[in-house]
Amino acid sequence: MSTQNWSDLKARMGAGAAMVVIGLAGIALGGHIFHLLVALICGTMVWELVGMLRPGVKYLQLQLGILTGLTLFLAIYLPVGLALPLLLAPAMIGFGTMERNRTVYMSFSVMILLAGYGMMQVRDDLGFGWMLWLVLVVVATDVVGYFAGRIIGGPKFWPAVSPKKTWAGTIAGWIGAAFVGILFSINTGAGVQLMGVSIAVSMASQMGDIAESGMKRKMGVKDSSNLIPGHGGLMDRFDGMLGAAMFLLVIGRFIGFPPGLG
């Protein structure tokens, strides 16, 4: 087992610890503070997205990043029917102003906006505990998968796009998410279906990670930005949360989330 497998561990843990503290504080406080935190994160991710797709066009980066943050912050205070046009507006405006990579921008910006809105709704409607469940499922998927992939190794999941991701790490992430689901089902009274939902959310998280990796590979960039020294950008760290939150937003109403309690 090569020491190179662990070369990013120190940076990953340091950045992860800082984000955990900030994230938990925002989730615990909820309300306007959490809304503002999510809007800032999503606005910054769109800023990073435009920087990858249209490098050097600083004014467009700033405009679309600010527009995303503002519209997302406003949308959560409106009835859903009025919020929907706001949530899609930055994607449509960017699609009309980007000279290339328009479809990629539109797809990722919509995912960012809907995921941010979904996280706000989970915190507002379901409370601290279920927002914590969502975060822990994504974190367990990432952390358990990271260690299992490097300790066990084995066949790669998609070496052309994500050379470090293995099948062992991918499956271990599902197991970690299932464990989180079991713990929450025991402590909340939610049904056993929560374990299956947790695994599905874990898979959606991995899909978000893979989608961003594929986009970066296509654009020829290693990281979404250098905002986190030695560790990339916010999109690199929240790509899994994007997939998970958007998936939960879509399927939550169908399954009566939380299962057994809805």
C-alpha atoms as a PDB file:
ATOM      1  CA  MET A   1       0.000   0.000   0.000  1.00  0.00           C
ATOM      2  CA  SER A   2       1.666   3.205  -1.208  1.00  0.00           C
ATOM      3  CA  THR A   3       1.991   6.250   1.031  1.00  0.00           C
ATOM      4  CA  GLN A   4       0.800   8.228  -1.984  1.00  0.00           C
ATOM      5  CA  ASN A   5      -2.656   6.786  -1.320  1.00  0.00           C
ATOM      6  CA  TRP A   6      -2.748   8.909   1.838  1.00  0.00           C
ATOM      7  CA  SER A   7      -1.077  12.026   0.458  1.00  0.00           C
ATOM      8  CA  ASP A   8      -4.285  14.064   0.577  1.00  0.00           C
ATOM      9  CA  LEU A   9      -5.461  12.859   3.995  1.00  0.00           C
ATOM     10  CA  LYS A  10      -4.078  15.749   6.074  1.00  0.00           C
ATOM     11  CA  ALA A  11      -5.535  18.434   3.816  1.00  0.00           C
ATOM     12  CA  ARG A  12      -8.828  16.542   3.559  1.00  0.00           C
ATOM     13  CA  MET A  13      -9.188  16.208   7.328  1.00  0.00           C
ATOM     14  CA  GLY A  14      -8.236  19.827   8.033  1.00  0.00           C
ATOM     15  CA  ALA A  15     -10.646  21.277   5.503  1.00  0.00           C
ATOM     16  CA  GLY A  16     -13.298  18.757   6.517  1.00  0.00           C
ATOM     17  CA  ALA A  17     -13.044  19.702  10.201  1.00  0.00           C
ATOM     18  CA  ALA A  18     -13.447  23.403   9.433  1.00  0.00           C
ATOM     19  CA  MET A  19     -16.463  22.773   7.199  1.00  0.00           C
ATOM     20  CA  VAL A  20     -18.045  20.461   9.780  1.00  0.00           C
ATOM     21  CA  VAL A  21     -17.840  23.191  12.449  1.00  0.00           C
ATOM     22  CA  ILE A  22     -19.303  25.859  10.159  1.00  0.00           C
ATOM     23  CA  GLY A  23     -21.922  23.503   8.763  1.00  0.00           C
ATOM     24  CA  LEU A  24     -23.101  22.216  12.141  1.00  0.00           C
ATOM     25  CA  ALA A  25     -23.329  25.757  13.488  1.00  0.00           C
ATOM     26  CA  GLY A  26     -25.434  26.804  10.503  1.00  0.00           C
ATOM     27  CA  ILE A  27     -27.693  23.747  10.762  1.00  0.00           C
ATOM     28  CA  ALA A  28     -28.129  24.219  14.522  1.00  0.00           C
ATOM     29  CA  LEU A  29     -29.018  27.908  14.174  1.00  0.00           C
ATOM     30  CA  GLY A  30     -31.341  27.290  11.234  1.00  0.00           C
ATOM     31  CA  GLY A  31     -33.608  30.025   9.920  1.00  0.00           C
ATOM     32  CA  HIS A  32     -32.095  33.067   8.224  1.00  0.00           C
ATOM     33  CA  ILE A  33     -28.540  32.033   9.149  1.00  0.00           C
ATOM     34  CA  PHE A  34     -28.845  28.637   7.497  1.00  0.00           C
ATOM     35  CA  HIS A  35     -30.589  30.133   4.457  1.00  0.00           C
ATOM     36  CA  LEU A  36     -27.779  32.675   4.069  1.00  0.00           C
ATOM     37  CA  LEU A  37     -25.082  30.011   4.473  1.00  0.00           C
ATOM     38  CA  VAL A  38     -26.641  27.765   1.817  1.00  0.00           C
ATOM     39  CA  ALA A  39     -27.159  30.720  -0.549  1.00  0.00           C
ATOM     40  CA  LEU A  40     -23.512  31.766  -0.159  1.00  0.00           C
ATOM     41  CA  ILE A  41     -22.271  28.217  -0.788  1.00  0.00           C
ATOM     42  CA  CYS A  42     -24.471  27.747  -3.864  1.00  0.00           C
ATOM     43  CA  GLY A  43     -23.592  31.177  -5.249  1.00  0.00           C
ATOM     44  CA  THR A  44     -19.910  30.378  -4.830  1.00  0.00           C
ATOM     45  CA  MET A  45     -20.327  27.016  -6.562  1.00  0.00           C
ATOM     46  CA  VAL A  46     -21.904  28.693  -9.596  1.00  0.00           C
ATOM     47  CA  TRP A  47     -19.034  31.196  -9.545  1.00  0.00           C
ATOM     48  CA  GLU A  48     -16.644  28.223  -9.654  1.00  0.00           C
ATOM     49  CA  LEU A  49     -18.706  26.512 -12.357  1.00  0.00           C
ATOM     50  CA  VAL A  50     -18.556  29.531 -14.666  1.00  0.00           C
ATOM     51  CA  GLY A  51     -14.825  29.845 -13.959  1.00  0.00           C
ATOM     52  CA  MET A  52     -14.290  26.302 -15.230  1.00  0.00           C
ATOM     53  CA  LEU A  53     -16.553  26.626 -18.255  1.00  0.00           C
ATOM     54  CA  ARG A  54     -15.564  30.159 -19.275  1.00  0.00           C
ATOM     55  CA  PRO A  55     -12.111  30.830 -17.761  1.00  0.00           C
ATOM     56  CA  GLY A  56     -11.020  34.456 -17.782  1.00  0.00           C
ATOM     57  CA  VAL A  57     -14.517  35.989 -17.992  1.00  0.00           C
ATOM     58  CA  LYS A  58     -14.498  37.370 -14.450  1.00  0.00           C
ATOM     59  CA  TYR A  59     -17.527  39.648 -14.768  1.00  0.00           C
ATOM     60  CA  LEU A  60     -19.753  36.761 -15.912  1.00  0.00           C
ATOM     61  CA  GLN A  61     -18.508  34.601 -13.047  1.00  0.00           C
ATOM     62  CA  LEU A  62     -19.365  37.287 -10.514  1.00  0.00           C
ATOM     63  CA  GLN A  63     -22.731  38.188 -12.021  1.00  0.00           C
ATOM     64  CA  LEU A  64     -24.040  34.623 -12.206  1.00  0.00           C
ATOM     65  CA  GLY A  65     -22.640  33.740  -8.773  1.00  0.00           C
ATOM     66  CA  ILE A  66     -24.332  36.722  -7.116  1.00  0.00           C
ATOM     67  CA  LEU A  67     -27.555  36.139  -9.054  1.00  0.00           C
ATOM     68  CA  THR A  68     -27.650  32.512  -7.889  1.00  0.00           C
ATOM     69  CA  GLY A  69     -27.104  33.395  -4.244  1.00  0.00           C
ATOM     70  CA  LEU A  70     -29.722  36.174  -4.263  1.00  0.00           C
ATOM     71  CA  THR A  71     -32.427  34.221  -6.062  1.00  0.00           C
ATOM     72  CA  LEU A  72     -31.937  31.173  -3.850  1.00  0.00           C
ATOM     73  CA  PHE A  73     -32.103  33.272  -0.678  1.00  0.00           C
ATOM     74  CA  LEU A  74     -35.299  34.986  -1.865  1.00  0.00           C
ATOM     75  CA  ALA A  75     -36.926  31.783  -3.147  1.00  0.00           C
ATOM     76  CA  ILE A  76     -37.146  30.097   0.248  1.00  0.00           C
ATOM     77  CA  TYR A  77     -39.335  32.934   1.565  1.00  0.00           C
ATOM     78  CA  LEU A  78     -41.872  32.652  -1.273  1.00  0.00           C
ATOM     79  CA  PRO A  79     -44.657  30.135  -1.899  1.00  0.00           C
ATOM     80  CA  VAL A  80     -43.274  27.217  -3.913  1.00  0.00           C
ATOM     81  CA  GLY A  81     -45.183  28.178  -7.052  1.00  0.00           C
ATOM     82  CA  LEU A  82     -43.589  31.633  -7.049  1.00  0.00           C
ATOM     83  CA  ALA A  83     -40.179  30.300  -6.036  1.00  0.00           C
ATOM     84  CA  LEU A  84     -39.845  27.945  -9.024  1.00  0.00           C
ATOM     85  CA  PRO A  85     -39.283  30.634 -11.695  1.00  0.00           C
ATOM     86  CA  LEU A  86     -36.645  32.250  -9.482  1.00  0.00           C
ATOM     87  CA  LEU A  87     -34.831  28.934  -9.053  1.00  0.00           C
ATOM     88  CA  LEU A  88     -34.589  28.434 -12.809  1.00  0.00           C
ATOM     89  CA  ALA A  89     -33.814  32.050 -13.740  1.00  0.00           C
ATOM     90  CA  PRO A  90     -29.999  31.932 -13.189  1.00  0.00           C
ATOM     91  CA  ALA A  91     -29.775  28.795 -15.343  1.00  0.00           C
ATOM     92  CA  MET A  92     -31.766  30.401 -18.159  1.00  0.00           C
ATOM     93  CA  ILE A  93     -29.880  33.706 -17.985  1.00  0.00           C
ATOM     94  CA  GLY A  94     -26.519  31.934 -17.962  1.00  0.00           C
ATOM     95  CA  PHE A  95     -27.604  29.702 -20.850  1.00  0.00           C
ATOM     96  CA  GLY A  96     -28.385  32.827 -22.863  1.00  0.00           C
ATOM     97  CA  THR A  97     -25.109  34.605 -22.075  1.00  0.00           C
ATOM     98  CA  MET A  98     -22.551  31.787 -22.140  1.00  0.00           C
ATOM     99  CA  GLU A  99     -20.850  31.552 -25.523  1.00  0.00           C
ATOM    100  CA  ARG A 100     -19.979  27.875 -25.083  1.00  0.00           C
ATOM    101  CA  ASN A 101     -20.629  24.942 -22.706  1.00  0.00           C
ATOM    102  CA  ARG A 102     -24.184  26.261 -22.291  1.00  0.00           C
ATOM    103  CA  THR A 103     -25.807  22.867 -21.701  1.00  0.00           C
ATOM    104  CA  VAL A 104     -23.230  21.873 -19.083  1.00  0.00           C
ATOM    105  CA  TYR A 105     -23.737  25.181 -17.275  1.00  0.00           C
ATOM    106  CA  MET A 106     -27.512  24.870 -17.362  1.00  0.00           C
ATOM    107  CA  SER A 107     -27.507  21.292 -16.053  1.00  0.00           C
ATOM    108  CA  PHE A 108     -25.141  21.945 -13.146  1.00  0.00           C
ATOM    109  CA  SER A 109     -26.603  25.322 -12.178  1.00  0.00           C
ATOM    110  CA  VAL A 110     -30.113  23.843 -11.980  1.00  0.00           C
ATOM    111  CA  MET A 111     -28.766  21.026  -9.808  1.00  0.00           C
ATOM    112  CA  ILE A 112     -27.028  23.529  -7.512  1.00  0.00           C
ATOM    113  CA  LEU A 113     -30.136  25.699  -7.131  1.00  0.00           C
ATOM    114  CA  LEU A 114     -32.545  22.805  -6.559  1.00  0.00           C
ATOM    115  CA  ALA A 115     -30.171  21.105  -4.131  1.00  0.00           C
ATOM    116  CA  GLY A 116     -29.758  24.313  -2.139  1.00  0.00           C
ATOM    117  CA  TYR A 117     -33.516  24.809  -2.039  1.00  0.00           C
ATOM    118  CA  GLY A 118     -33.960  21.183  -0.998  1.00  0.00           C
ATOM    119  CA  MET A 119     -31.530  21.545   1.910  1.00  0.00           C
ATOM    120  CA  MET A 120     -33.336  24.658   3.129  1.00  0.00           C
ATOM    121  CA  GLN A 121     -36.661  22.831   2.977  1.00  0.00           C
ATOM    122  CA  VAL A 122     -35.335  19.834   4.899  1.00  0.00           C
ATOM    123  CA  ARG A 123     -34.064  22.104   7.681  1.00  0.00           C
ATOM    124  CA  ASP A 124     -37.172  24.306   7.756  1.00  0.00           C
ATOM    125  CA  ASP A 125     -39.809  21.570   7.482  1.00  0.00           C
ATOM    126  CA  LEU A 126     -38.188  18.584   9.199  1.00  0.00           C
ATOM    127  CA  GLY A 127     -35.811  20.207  11.676  1.00  0.00           C
ATOM    128  CA  PHE A 128     -32.218  19.814  12.803  1.00  0.00           C
ATOM    129  CA  GLY A 129     -32.298  16.018  13.177  1.00  0.00           C
ATOM    130  CA  TRP A 130     -33.225  15.172   9.590  1.00  0.00           C
ATOM    131  CA  MET A 131     -30.869  17.743   8.117  1.00  0.00           C
ATOM    132  CA  LEU A 132     -28.168  16.101  10.248  1.00  0.00           C
ATOM    133  CA  TRP A 133     -29.208  12.693   8.857  1.00  0.00           C
ATOM    134  CA  LEU A 134     -28.727  13.971   5.295  1.00  0.00           C
ATOM    135  CA  VAL A 135     -25.298  15.388   6.098  1.00  0.00           C
ATOM    136  CA  LEU A 136     -24.202  12.213   7.905  1.00  0.00           C
ATOM    137  CA  VAL A 137     -25.286   9.986   5.012  1.00  0.00           C
ATOM    138  CA  VAL A 138     -23.148  12.042   2.615  1.00  0.00           C
ATOM    139  CA  VAL A 139     -20.215  12.225   5.043  1.00  0.00           C
ATOM    140  CA  ALA A 140     -20.366   8.471   5.774  1.00  0.00           C
ATOM    141  CA  THR A 141     -20.452   7.751   2.047  1.00  0.00           C
ATOM    142  CA  ASP A 142     -17.382   9.897   1.479  1.00  0.00           C
ATOM    143  CA  VAL A 143     -15.329   8.963   4.553  1.00  0.00           C
ATOM    144  CA  VAL A 144     -16.038   5.221   4.645  1.00  0.00           C
ATOM    145  CA  GLY A 145     -15.559   5.038   0.888  1.00  0.00           C
ATOM    146  CA  TYR A 146     -12.284   6.982   1.104  1.00  0.00           C
ATOM    147  CA  PHE A 147     -10.688   4.666   3.664  1.00  0.00           C
ATOM    148  CA  ALA A 148     -12.085   1.439   2.213  1.00  0.00           C
ATOM    149  CA  GLY A 149     -10.924   2.387  -1.262  1.00  0.00           C
ATOM    150  CA  ARG A 150      -7.371   3.024  -0.119  1.00  0.00           C
ATOM    151  CA  ILE A 151      -7.119   0.085   2.272  1.00  0.00           C
ATOM    152  CA  ILE A 152      -8.829  -2.539   0.111  1.00  0.00           C
ATOM    153  CA  GLY A 153      -8.039  -1.163  -3.341  1.00  0.00           C
ATOM    154  CA  GLY A 154      -9.129  -3.407  -6.175  1.00  0.00           C
ATOM    155  CA  PRO A 155     -10.943  -2.686  -9.464  1.00  0.00           C
ATOM    156  CA  LYS A 156     -11.540   0.965 -10.342  1.00  0.00           C
ATOM    157  CA  PHE A 157     -15.081   2.283 -10.685  1.00  0.00           C
ATOM    158  CA  TRP A 158     -14.434   4.586 -13.667  1.00  0.00           C
ATOM    159  CA  PRO A 159     -10.675   5.069 -14.086  1.00  0.00           C
ATOM    160  CA  ALA A 160     -10.963   7.365 -17.116  1.00  0.00           C
ATOM    161  CA  VAL A 161     -12.846   9.970 -15.074  1.00  0.00           C
ATOM    162  CA  SER A 162     -12.109   9.265 -11.399  1.00  0.00           C
ATOM    163  CA  PRO A 163      -8.869   7.241 -11.192  1.00  0.00           C
ATOM    164  CA  LYS A 164      -8.906   6.952  -7.372  1.00  0.00           C
ATOM    165  CA  LYS A 165     -12.490   5.706  -6.993  1.00  0.00           C
ATOM    166  CA  THR A 166     -12.767   1.934  -6.550  1.00  0.00           C
ATOM    167  CA  TRP A 167     -15.659  -0.484  -6.393  1.00  0.00           C
ATOM    168  CA  ALA A 168     -14.630  -1.358  -2.830  1.00  0.00           C
ATOM    169  CA  GLY A 169     -14.900   2.275  -1.765  1.00  0.00           C
ATOM    170  CA  THR A 170     -18.178   2.739  -3.622  1.00  0.00           C
ATOM    171  CA  ILE A 171     -19.848  -0.249  -1.963  1.00  0.00           C
ATOM    172  CA  ALA A 172     -18.351   0.613   1.439  1.00  0.00           C
ATOM    173  CA  GLY A 173     -19.976   4.048   1.113  1.00  0.00           C
ATOM    174  CA  TRP A 174     -23.365   2.365   0.729  1.00  0.00           C
ATOM    175  CA  ILE A 175     -22.715   0.297   3.864  1.00  0.00           C
ATOM    176  CA  GLY A 176     -21.748   3.402   5.831  1.00  0.00           C
ATOM    177  CA  ALA A 177     -24.940   5.149   4.697  1.00  0.00           C
ATOM    178  CA  ALA A 178     -27.037   2.086   5.622  1.00  0.00           C
ATOM    179  CA  PHE A 179     -25.539   2.172   9.126  1.00  0.00           C
ATOM    180  CA  VAL A 180     -26.554   5.839   9.484  1.00  0.00           C
ATOM    181  CA  GLY A 181     -30.064   4.923   8.305  1.00  0.00           C
ATOM    182  CA  ILE A 182     -30.332   2.106  10.848  1.00  0.00           C
ATOM    183  CA  LEU A 183     -29.202   4.369  13.702  1.00  0.00           C
ATOM    184  CA  PHE A 184     -31.737   7.039  12.801  1.00  0.00           C
ATOM    185  CA  SER A 185     -34.544   4.508  12.330  1.00  0.00           C
ATOM    186  CA  ILE A 186     -33.896   3.201  15.854  1.00  0.00           C
ATOM    187  CA  ASN A 187     -33.702   6.647  17.445  1.00  0.00           C
ATOM    188  CA  THR A 188     -36.546   8.338  15.572  1.00  0.00           C
ATOM    189  CA  GLY A 189     -39.071   5.571  15.105  1.00  0.00           C
ATOM    190  CA  ALA A 190     -38.799   5.794  11.329  1.00  0.00           C
ATOM    191  CA  GLY A 191     -39.419   2.561   9.484  1.00  0.00           C
ATOM    192  CA  VAL A 192     -36.788   0.148   8.214  1.00  0.00           C
ATOM    193  CA  GLN A 193     -37.272   1.736   4.792  1.00  0.00           C
ATOM    194  CA  LEU A 194     -34.988   4.514   6.019  1.00  0.00           C
ATOM    195  CA  MET A 195     -32.037   2.167   5.517  1.00  0.00           C
ATOM    196  CA  GLY A 196     -32.957   1.755   1.844  1.00  0.00           C
ATOM    197  CA  VAL A 197     -33.534   5.502   1.451  1.00  0.00           C
ATOM    198  CA  SER A 198     -30.125   6.161   3.017  1.00  0.00           C
ATOM    199  CA  ILE A 199     -28.421   3.817   0.542  1.00  0.00           C
ATOM    200  CA  ALA A 200     -30.248   5.461  -2.376  1.00  0.00           C
ATOM    201  CA  VAL A 201     -29.250   8.934  -1.136  1.00  0.00           C
ATOM    202  CA  SER A 202     -25.672   7.621  -0.848  1.00  0.00           C
ATOM    203  CA  MET A 203     -25.810   6.499  -4.479  1.00  0.00           C
ATOM    204  CA  ALA A 204     -27.164   9.903  -5.525  1.00  0.00           C
ATOM    205  CA  SER A 205     -24.307  11.498  -3.600  1.00  0.00           C
ATOM    206  CA  GLN A 206     -21.792   9.389  -5.518  1.00  0.00           C
ATOM    207  CA  MET A 207     -23.507  10.310  -8.783  1.00  0.00           C
ATOM    208  CA  GLY A 208     -23.063  13.988  -7.953  1.00  0.00           C
ATOM    209  CA  ASP A 209     -19.382  13.347  -7.261  1.00  0.00           C
ATOM    210  CA  ILE A 210     -18.919  11.414 -10.519  1.00  0.00           C
ATOM    211  CA  ALA A 211     -20.807  14.028 -12.546  1.00  0.00           C
ATOM    212  CA  GLU A 212     -18.526  16.794 -11.292  1.00  0.00           C
ATOM    213  CA  SER A 213     -15.421  14.651 -11.907  1.00  0.00           C
ATOM    214  CA  GLY A 214     -16.547  14.014 -15.468  1.00  0.00           C
ATOM    215  CA  MET A 215     -17.174  17.699 -16.080  1.00  0.00           C
ATOM    216  CA  LYS A 216     -13.764  18.673 -14.691  1.00  0.00           C
ATOM    217  CA  ARG A 217     -12.065  16.021 -16.800  1.00  0.00           C
ATOM    218  CA  LYS A 218     -13.818  17.346 -19.902  1.00  0.00           C
ATOM    219  CA  MET A 219     -12.710  20.914 -19.105  1.00  0.00           C
ATOM    220  CA  GLY A 220      -9.159  19.824 -18.293  1.00  0.00           C
ATOM    221  CA  VAL A 221      -9.112  21.150 -14.712  1.00  0.00           C
ATOM    222  CA  LYS A 222      -8.129  19.383 -11.501  1.00  0.00           C
ATOM    223  CA  ASP A 223     -10.134  21.437  -8.994  1.00  0.00           C
ATOM    224  CA  SER A 224     -13.194  23.661  -9.242  1.00  0.00           C
ATOM    225  CA  SER A 225     -11.181  26.539  -7.693  1.00  0.00           C
ATOM    226  CA  ASN A 226      -8.414  27.156  -5.158  1.00  0.00           C
ATOM    227  CA  LEU A 227     -10.622  28.627  -2.432  1.00  0.00           C
ATOM    228  CA  ILE A 228      -9.641  25.878   0.013  1.00  0.00           C
ATOM    229  CA  PRO A 229      -5.814  25.884   0.042  1.00  0.00           C
ATOM    230  CA  GLY A 230      -4.427  22.574  -1.162  1.00  0.00           C
ATOM    231  CA  HIS A 231      -7.913  21.121  -1.324  1.00  0.00           C
ATOM    232  CA  GLY A 232      -9.761  22.605  -4.284  1.00  0.00           C
ATOM    233  CA  GLY A 233     -13.038  24.492  -4.166  1.00  0.00           C
ATOM    234  CA  LEU A 234     -16.477  24.302  -2.616  1.00  0.00           C
ATOM    235  CA  MET A 235     -17.867  22.364  -5.564  1.00  0.00           C
ATOM    236  CA  ASP A 236     -15.220  19.690  -5.000  1.00  0.00           C
ATOM    237  CA  ARG A 237     -16.412  19.271  -1.434  1.00  0.00           C
ATOM    238  CA  PHE A 238     -20.162  19.663  -1.933  1.00  0.00           C
ATOM    239  CA  ASP A 239     -20.636  17.721  -5.174  1.00  0.00           C
ATOM    240  CA  GLY A 240     -21.929  14.723  -3.227  1.00  0.00           C
ATOM    241  CA  MET A 241     -24.349  16.887  -1.234  1.00  0.00           C
ATOM    242  CA  LEU A 242     -25.697  18.313  -4.495  1.00  0.00           C
ATOM    243  CA  GLY A 243     -26.686  14.874  -5.760  1.00  0.00           C
ATOM    244  CA  ALA A 244     -28.072  13.764  -2.401  1.00  0.00           C
ATOM    245  CA  ALA A 245     -30.139  16.887  -1.676  1.00  0.00           C
ATOM    246  CA  MET A 246     -31.578  17.075  -5.184  1.00  0.00           C
ATOM    247  CA  PHE A 247     -32.525  13.391  -5.084  1.00  0.00           C
ATOM    248  CA  LEU A 248     -34.240  13.796  -1.709  1.00  0.00           C
ATOM    249  CA  LEU A 249     -36.113  16.877  -2.969  1.00  0.00           C
ATOM    250  CA  VAL A 250     -37.474  14.862  -5.901  1.00  0.00           C
ATOM    251  CA  ILE A 251     -38.390  11.617  -4.125  1.00  0.00           C
ATOM    252  CA  GLY A 252     -39.292  12.975  -0.678  1.00  0.00           C
ATOM    253  CA  ARG A 253     -42.918  13.671  -1.559  1.00  0.00           C
ATOM    254  CA  PHE A 254     -43.380  10.291  -3.222  1.00  0.00           C
ATOM    255  CA  ILE A 255     -42.192   8.195  -0.291  1.00  0.00           C
ATOM    256  CA  GLY A 256     -43.694  10.326   2.473  1.00  0.00           C
ATOM    257  CA  PHE A 257     -40.316  11.195   3.948  1.00  0.00           C
ATOM    258  CA  PRO A 258     -39.399  10.376   6.701  1.00  0.00           C
ATOM    259  CA  PRO A 259     -40.718   6.851   5.987  1.00  0.00           C
ATOM    260  CA  GLY A 260     -42.984   5.621   8.762  1.00  0.00           C
ATOM    261  CA  LEU A 261     -43.348   9.118  10.204  1.00  0.00           C
ATOM    262  CA  GLY A 262     -44.695  11.128   7.246  1.00  0.00           C
END
